[in-house]
Structure formats: C-alpha cells, structure tokens
C-alpha cells in the first residue's frame, strides 16, 4: 500500500477525518516512554478500523498539534489500540498530561506495513534498537499467531541500559511462542548477566539462521540500522529481503507537506516501511 489515502480507505476510514478516541489506559514503560491504550468513541468507526503491522496513526491534541505514532501492539492482544510514545517534542509532552477517560483525535491508519506474507516459509530476524521495538511488536504478534508458517524466528533487541528495555514483561511469552529473544545493552550494571554492546553484534553472532532464505526487519536509530544492514549483507541476506522502518519528520501523513521527503520518496506516504534496496542511496544522508 504505497498511497496513504488508499491505505486508510481500505480500512473503512477517510484519512482526512479526525476521529475522537478515549484513553482507556496508560502503561508506564521506561523513563520517558508510556503506552496509551485508545478506544474509538464512535463504536462504528472502531468496528471499521483495520491496520497492518508497521502502520501508524496521526494523533491530534488541540492546542498542541499532531504527531505520527506507530501502532505498537497486535490487535488480537488488546481491546483498544495501543501507541507507545517517547517524549520528544511539544505534542508528545502534552500527551503526558492526559489521564484515563480523556480524549484526543486520531487519523489513520497510514503507511506501508511489514512484509509478513513474504516471510512465509522463511526464517525471520527482527532487529530493534530503543523505541524501535514498538513498531515491530505487532509483527511479533503475527509471527506468534501463525508460527507454523514460518521458519526460525529471532528478535535481536538493544537498549541503552537494562532499565530502558521495552516490554520486558513479555519476553517470556514471546520465547514460549518460539521466538528466540536476544537482548543487549550499551551500559550494564552489576545485576545484568546478558550481552553488552550494540544489537549489530547479536546479528553477527547469530548462528541458528539460514541467511539465504531469511527476511530481516529492522527499526531503530538510523545509525544502528545502517550498521545492521551492513552486517546482514555480510551474513548473506539478500538486499530485497531486508526491510527498514524510517521516521523522518512526518507531519501530515499523506505526503503533502514535504517535511519527510527522502530523495523521491515521502516517508509518511511511501513508507515508513521500505525495502532496503529501494532506499539504500538515501540512508547515508542525515535527517534535518
């Protein structure tokens, strides 16, 4: 789904219409990060809403503005729609003032999704850094529900410290569903017994994988993704089986404002999930 308008229309909603959603629950994750569980006030709009793993919504707060936030949980595991948000600007800071029962606006869903169907019959490696695990969590849900369709499944996740590991309470559940969870941190404390270093090192050390018949999905800081891609290519992953999720100043959601333009692509409209060989020339260009 390259076009955001078609994406939203396929979900039964109009991309320009803002729907009122209610905050059902706020889950504190790590410092500066919380997950907001949202429900449509109009039940018919909620019934029509559909999204694919990797897509995002535009969340609108009157007086503050709106921002693009990825949907961060598989719909099958929650009665609402969850968005994991890191405080990074005026809109997200204002969002922290909301409480259960408060309302805000939602437009979407927008953007492209993770290539779950392309993973059928293949090994799958998910690589995430920091908040980049949030857009991948719906893909984890899909890999769990349809486990027999895929080969070996690995999650490689790196964070700054043990205290900043997202969703740590779910790691055991994911592991029991057959997803091998590998974590690493930049800075360890005396209680940490796991890996220390960047997530790229986990990929370099990964042995239970057939890179020639595998799909890799990656989301995190762009410098981390560049090194991950280099490591994946060195391991033998095909360029057209490496997928990345990019977030560059998305402000309108439909490619009109131009803030997220990257070469000839608009991240909000043509992404945020891109096949690597399509955006390879642009990944070394710093975002402003």
Protein backbone atom coordinates (compact mmCIF):
# COMPACT_ATOMS: atom_id res chain seq x y z
CA UNK A 1 0.00 0.00 0.00
CA UNK A 2 2.04 2.88 -1.28
CA UNK A 3 -0.66 5.53 -1.03
CA UNK A 4 -1.83 6.58 2.42
CA UNK A 5 -5.27 7.61 1.19
CA UNK A 6 -5.84 4.13 -0.29
CA UNK A 7 -4.47 2.60 2.91
CA UNK A 8 -6.94 4.42 5.10
CA UNK A 9 -9.78 3.89 2.64
CA UNK A 10 -9.10 0.16 2.71
CA UNK A 11 -9.58 0.32 6.45
CA UNK A 12 -13.02 1.87 6.00
CA UNK A 13 -11.96 5.32 7.22
CA UNK A 14 -11.20 8.60 5.46
CA UNK A 15 -7.64 9.85 6.04
CA UNK A 16 -8.68 13.49 6.45
CA UNK A 17 -11.34 12.76 9.06
CA UNK A 18 -10.24 13.00 12.67
CA UNK A 19 -11.96 10.52 14.96
CA UNK A 20 -12.31 11.06 18.67
CA UNK A 21 -10.65 8.38 20.76
CA UNK A 22 -10.67 7.90 24.51
CA UNK A 23 -7.70 6.99 26.65
CA UNK A 24 -8.57 3.62 28.18
CA UNK A 25 -5.31 3.04 29.99
CA UNK A 26 -1.80 4.47 30.29
CA UNK A 27 1.01 1.99 30.84
CA UNK A 28 4.34 3.31 32.07
CA UNK A 29 7.10 1.50 30.17
CA UNK A 30 10.52 3.04 30.88
CA UNK A 31 11.65 6.55 31.74
CA UNK A 32 10.15 8.98 29.25
CA UNK A 33 8.10 6.30 27.48
CA UNK A 34 4.48 5.24 28.02
CA UNK A 35 1.91 3.21 26.10
CA UNK A 36 -1.53 4.75 25.52
CA UNK A 37 -4.40 2.32 25.03
CA UNK A 38 -7.04 4.11 22.94
CA UNK A 39 -10.64 3.27 22.05
CA UNK A 40 -12.88 4.93 19.45
CA UNK A 41 -15.72 6.89 20.97
CA UNK A 42 -17.80 6.09 17.87
CA UNK A 43 -18.22 2.32 18.01
CA UNK A 44 -18.98 2.08 14.28
CA UNK A 45 -15.68 3.79 13.45
CA UNK A 46 -13.89 1.40 15.76
CA UNK A 47 -15.54 -1.56 14.10
CA UNK A 48 -14.43 -0.32 10.66
CA UNK A 49 -10.86 0.38 11.67
CA UNK A 50 -8.20 -2.05 10.43
CA UNK A 51 -4.43 -1.78 10.40
CA UNK A 52 -1.42 -3.83 9.37
CA UNK A 53 1.76 -4.27 11.46
CA UNK A 54 4.09 -1.33 10.90
CA UNK A 55 1.45 1.29 10.07
CA UNK A 56 0.94 4.47 12.08
CA UNK A 57 -1.75 6.95 13.13
CA UNK A 58 -1.71 10.72 13.42
CA UNK A 59 -2.62 11.64 16.99
CA UNK A 60 -4.05 15.14 17.45
CA UNK A 61 -4.12 17.22 20.63
CA UNK A 62 -6.00 20.54 20.36
CA UNK A 63 -3.70 23.46 21.04
CA UNK A 64 -0.56 21.34 20.70
CA UNK A 65 -0.73 19.81 17.22
CA UNK A 66 -0.47 16.27 15.92
CA UNK A 67 2.27 13.70 15.51
CA UNK A 68 2.79 10.38 13.77
CA UNK A 69 2.87 7.44 16.19
CA UNK A 70 3.21 3.78 15.18
CA UNK A 71 0.61 1.32 16.38
CA UNK A 72 2.53 -0.75 18.89
CA UNK A 73 0.54 -3.87 19.65
CA UNK A 74 -1.15 -6.64 17.77
CA UNK A 75 -4.91 -6.05 17.75
CA UNK A 76 -5.58 -9.61 18.88
CA UNK A 77 -3.97 -8.96 22.26
CA UNK A 78 -5.73 -5.74 23.26
CA UNK A 79 -9.30 -4.45 23.33
CA UNK A 80 -8.02 -1.00 22.40
CA UNK A 81 -5.37 0.42 20.07
CA UNK A 82 -2.00 0.89 21.71
CA UNK A 83 0.59 3.51 20.83
CA UNK A 84 3.94 3.59 22.62
CA UNK A 85 5.17 7.18 22.86
CA UNK A 86 8.52 8.65 23.82
CA UNK A 87 8.53 12.29 24.95
CA UNK A 88 10.39 14.12 22.19
CA UNK A 89 8.52 17.36 21.49
CA UNK A 90 5.60 19.60 22.31
CA UNK A 91 2.85 17.20 21.23
CA UNK A 92 4.27 14.17 22.99
CA UNK A 93 4.98 16.24 26.10
CA UNK A 94 1.37 17.45 26.13
CA UNK A 95 0.25 13.83 25.73
CA UNK A 96 1.81 13.02 29.11
CA UNK A 97 -0.77 15.27 30.75
CA UNK A 98 -3.66 13.05 29.66
CA UNK A 99 -5.37 10.68 32.05
CA UNK A 100 -7.68 7.68 31.50
CA UNK A 101 -11.02 8.98 30.24
CA UNK A 102 -9.52 11.98 28.41
CA UNK A 103 -9.98 12.27 24.66
CA UNK A 104 -7.85 13.18 21.65
CA UNK A 105 -8.06 12.96 17.88
CA UNK A 106 -6.89 10.14 15.63
CA UNK A 107 -6.45 9.94 11.85
CA UNK A 108 -5.33 6.81 10.07
CA UNK A 109 -4.07 4.24 9.58
CA UNK A 110 -1.33 5.42 7.24
CA UNK A 111 1.72 3.99 5.59
CA UNK A 112 3.13 0.69 4.47
CA UNK A 113 3.43 -2.41 6.63
CA UNK A 114 5.92 -5.14 7.47
CA UNK A 115 6.05 -7.90 4.82
CA UNK A 116 4.55 -10.69 6.91
CA UNK A 117 3.36 -12.70 3.90
CA UNK A 118 6.84 -12.56 2.36
CA UNK A 119 8.13 -14.29 5.50
CA UNK A 120 6.07 -17.45 4.99
CA UNK A 121 8.38 -20.42 4.68
CA UNK A 122 11.44 -18.40 5.67
CA UNK A 123 13.48 -17.68 8.76
CA UNK A 124 12.70 -14.26 10.23
CA UNK A 125 15.02 -11.90 12.10
CA UNK A 126 13.68 -8.77 13.80
CA UNK A 127 16.29 -6.22 14.85
CA UNK A 128 15.29 -3.28 17.05
CA UNK A 129 17.01 -0.52 18.94
CA UNK A 130 15.40 1.50 21.75
CA UNK A 131 11.91 2.74 20.93
CA UNK A 132 12.24 0.95 17.57
CA UNK A 133 10.79 -2.16 19.18
CA UNK A 134 7.35 -0.51 19.30
CA UNK A 135 6.60 -0.61 15.53
CA UNK A 136 7.82 -4.22 15.44
CA UNK A 137 5.62 -5.50 18.25
CA UNK A 138 2.54 -6.02 16.02
CA UNK A 139 4.76 -8.08 13.68
CA UNK A 140 5.80 -10.19 16.67
CA UNK A 141 2.13 -10.88 17.31
CA UNK A 142 1.64 -12.05 13.72
CA UNK A 143 4.69 -14.32 13.94
CA UNK A 144 3.34 -15.81 17.16
CA UNK A 145 -0.20 -16.47 15.93
CA UNK A 146 0.88 -18.16 12.69
CA UNK A 147 4.02 -19.86 13.96
CA UNK A 148 3.80 -22.92 11.70
CA UNK A 149 4.00 -20.77 8.58
CA UNK A 150 7.50 -19.52 9.37
CA UNK A 151 10.92 -20.94 9.97
CA UNK A 152 13.12 -19.93 12.89
CA UNK A 153 12.19 -16.58 14.41
CA UNK A 154 14.61 -14.32 16.26
CA UNK A 155 14.27 -10.95 17.96
CA UNK A 156 17.52 -9.03 18.45
CA UNK A 157 16.94 -6.03 20.69
CA UNK A 158 19.37 -3.45 22.03
CA UNK A 159 18.79 -0.67 24.56
CA UNK A 160 20.95 1.82 26.41
CA UNK A 161 20.66 0.10 29.79
CA UNK A 162 18.74 -2.76 31.46
CA UNK A 163 16.26 -0.19 32.81
CA UNK A 164 15.42 1.02 29.29
CA UNK A 165 14.44 -2.35 27.80
CA UNK A 166 10.91 -2.01 26.45
CA UNK A 167 8.20 -4.62 27.06
CA UNK A 168 10.49 -6.78 29.18
CA UNK A 169 7.49 -8.43 30.85
CA UNK A 170 6.55 -10.02 27.50
CA UNK A 171 9.90 -11.62 26.66
CA UNK A 172 8.99 -14.89 28.34
CA UNK A 173 5.67 -15.04 26.49
CA UNK A 174 7.42 -14.44 23.18
CA UNK A 175 10.02 -17.08 23.98
CA UNK A 176 7.36 -19.65 24.85
CA UNK A 177 5.76 -18.95 21.46
CA UNK A 178 9.01 -19.94 19.74
CA UNK A 179 10.57 -16.53 19.17
CA UNK A 180 14.15 -16.52 20.41
CA UNK A 181 14.68 -13.23 22.22
CA UNK A 182 18.25 -11.89 22.31
CA UNK A 183 18.86 -8.67 24.26
CA UNK A 184 21.88 -6.46 24.71
CA UNK A 185 22.59 -3.14 26.44
CA UNK A 186 25.13 -0.39 25.92
CA UNK A 187 25.77 0.05 29.64
CA UNK A 188 25.36 -2.81 32.11
CA UNK A 189 25.03 -2.76 35.90
CA UNK A 190 26.11 -5.36 38.42
CA UNK A 191 22.83 -7.27 38.07
CA UNK A 192 22.93 -7.61 34.28
CA UNK A 193 24.09 -11.02 33.07
CA UNK A 194 23.29 -10.66 29.37
CA UNK A 195 25.10 -9.27 26.35
CA UNK A 196 26.78 -5.87 26.37
CA UNK A 197 27.20 -3.97 23.10
CA UNK A 198 25.17 -2.92 20.09
CA UNK A 199 22.44 -5.05 18.51
CA UNK A 200 24.60 -5.47 15.42
CA UNK A 201 26.87 -7.77 17.42
CA UNK A 202 23.91 -10.06 18.12
CA UNK A 203 23.33 -10.40 14.37
CA UNK A 204 26.98 -11.14 13.71
CA UNK A 205 26.95 -13.89 16.36
CA UNK A 206 23.60 -15.40 15.36
CA UNK A 207 24.14 -18.96 14.17
CA UNK A 208 20.68 -20.55 14.04
CA UNK A 209 19.65 -18.84 10.81
CA UNK A 210 19.72 -19.50 7.07
CA UNK A 211 20.51 -16.01 5.79
CA UNK A 212 19.98 -17.08 2.17
CA UNK A 213 16.35 -17.91 2.96
CA UNK A 214 15.56 -15.32 5.60
CA UNK A 215 13.81 -11.97 5.94
CA UNK A 216 15.17 -9.23 8.19
CA UNK A 217 13.07 -6.37 9.55
CA UNK A 218 14.78 -3.50 11.34
CA UNK A 219 13.71 -0.40 13.24
CA UNK A 220 15.69 1.93 15.45
CA UNK A 221 18.11 4.85 15.24
CA UNK A 222 19.28 5.27 11.66
CA UNK A 223 22.94 4.79 12.51
CA UNK A 224 22.04 1.48 14.14
CA UNK A 225 20.04 0.44 11.08
CA UNK A 226 22.92 1.26 8.73
CA UNK A 227 25.28 -0.96 10.70
CA UNK A 228 22.64 -3.68 10.94
CA UNK A 229 22.14 -3.65 7.19
CA UNK A 230 25.88 -3.88 6.61
CA UNK A 231 26.09 -6.86 8.96
CA UNK A 232 23.08 -8.52 7.30
CA UNK A 233 24.55 -8.14 3.82
CA UNK A 234 27.83 -9.54 5.09
CA UNK A 235 25.93 -12.54 6.51
CA UNK A 236 24.36 -13.22 3.12
CA UNK A 237 20.90 -11.65 3.45
CA UNK A 238 19.51 -10.59 0.07
CA UNK A 239 19.02 -6.79 -0.25
CA UNK A 240 15.40 -7.31 -1.31
CA UNK A 241 14.69 -9.28 1.88
CA UNK A 242 15.86 -6.56 4.24
CA UNK A 243 13.17 -4.13 5.39
CA UNK A 244 13.55 -0.96 7.45
CA UNK A 245 11.08 1.40 9.10
CA UNK A 246 12.04 5.06 8.83
CA UNK A 247 10.60 8.04 10.67
CA UNK A 248 11.71 11.41 9.36
CA UNK A 249 9.69 14.44 10.48
CA UNK A 250 6.31 13.05 9.45
CA UNK A 251 3.78 15.83 9.93
CA UNK A 252 0.82 15.43 7.57
CA UNK A 253 0.57 11.69 6.97
CA UNK A 254 -0.23 11.91 3.25
CA UNK A 255 2.89 13.35 1.59
CA UNK A 256 1.66 16.91 1.09
CA UNK A 257 3.80 18.99 3.45
CA UNK A 258 7.12 17.58 2.24
CA UNK A 259 8.82 17.51 5.65
CA UNK A 260 9.57 13.79 5.42
CA UNK A 261 10.80 13.74 1.83
CA UNK A 262 13.77 11.46 1.27
CA UNK A 263 15.02 11.60 -2.30
CA UNK A 264 11.94 10.89 -4.39
CA UNK A 265 10.12 9.19 -1.53
CA UNK A 266 7.83 10.56 1.15
CA UNK A 267 8.24 8.52 4.33
CA UNK A 268 4.66 9.04 5.53
CA UNK A 269 3.14 8.08 2.17
CA UNK A 270 5.57 5.62 0.60
CA UNK A 271 6.80 4.22 3.95
CA UNK A 272 7.50 4.14 6.78
CA UNK A 273 8.40 0.52 5.97
CA UNK A 274 10.72 0.32 2.97
CA UNK A 275 12.57 -2.48 1.30
CA UNK A 276 16.26 -1.73 1.74
CA UNK A 277 17.27 -1.83 -1.91
CA UNK A 278 14.69 0.86 -2.62
CA UNK A 279 16.12 3.41 -0.16
CA UNK A 280 19.77 2.35 0.02
CA UNK A 281 21.10 5.55 -1.69
CA UNK A 282 19.39 7.76 0.89
CA UNK A 283 20.24 6.07 4.19
CA UNK A 284 23.63 7.75 4.49
CA UNK A 285 22.03 11.20 4.23
CA UNK A 286 21.43 12.73 7.64
CA UNK A 287 17.91 13.87 8.53
CA UNK A 288 17.40 17.53 9.40
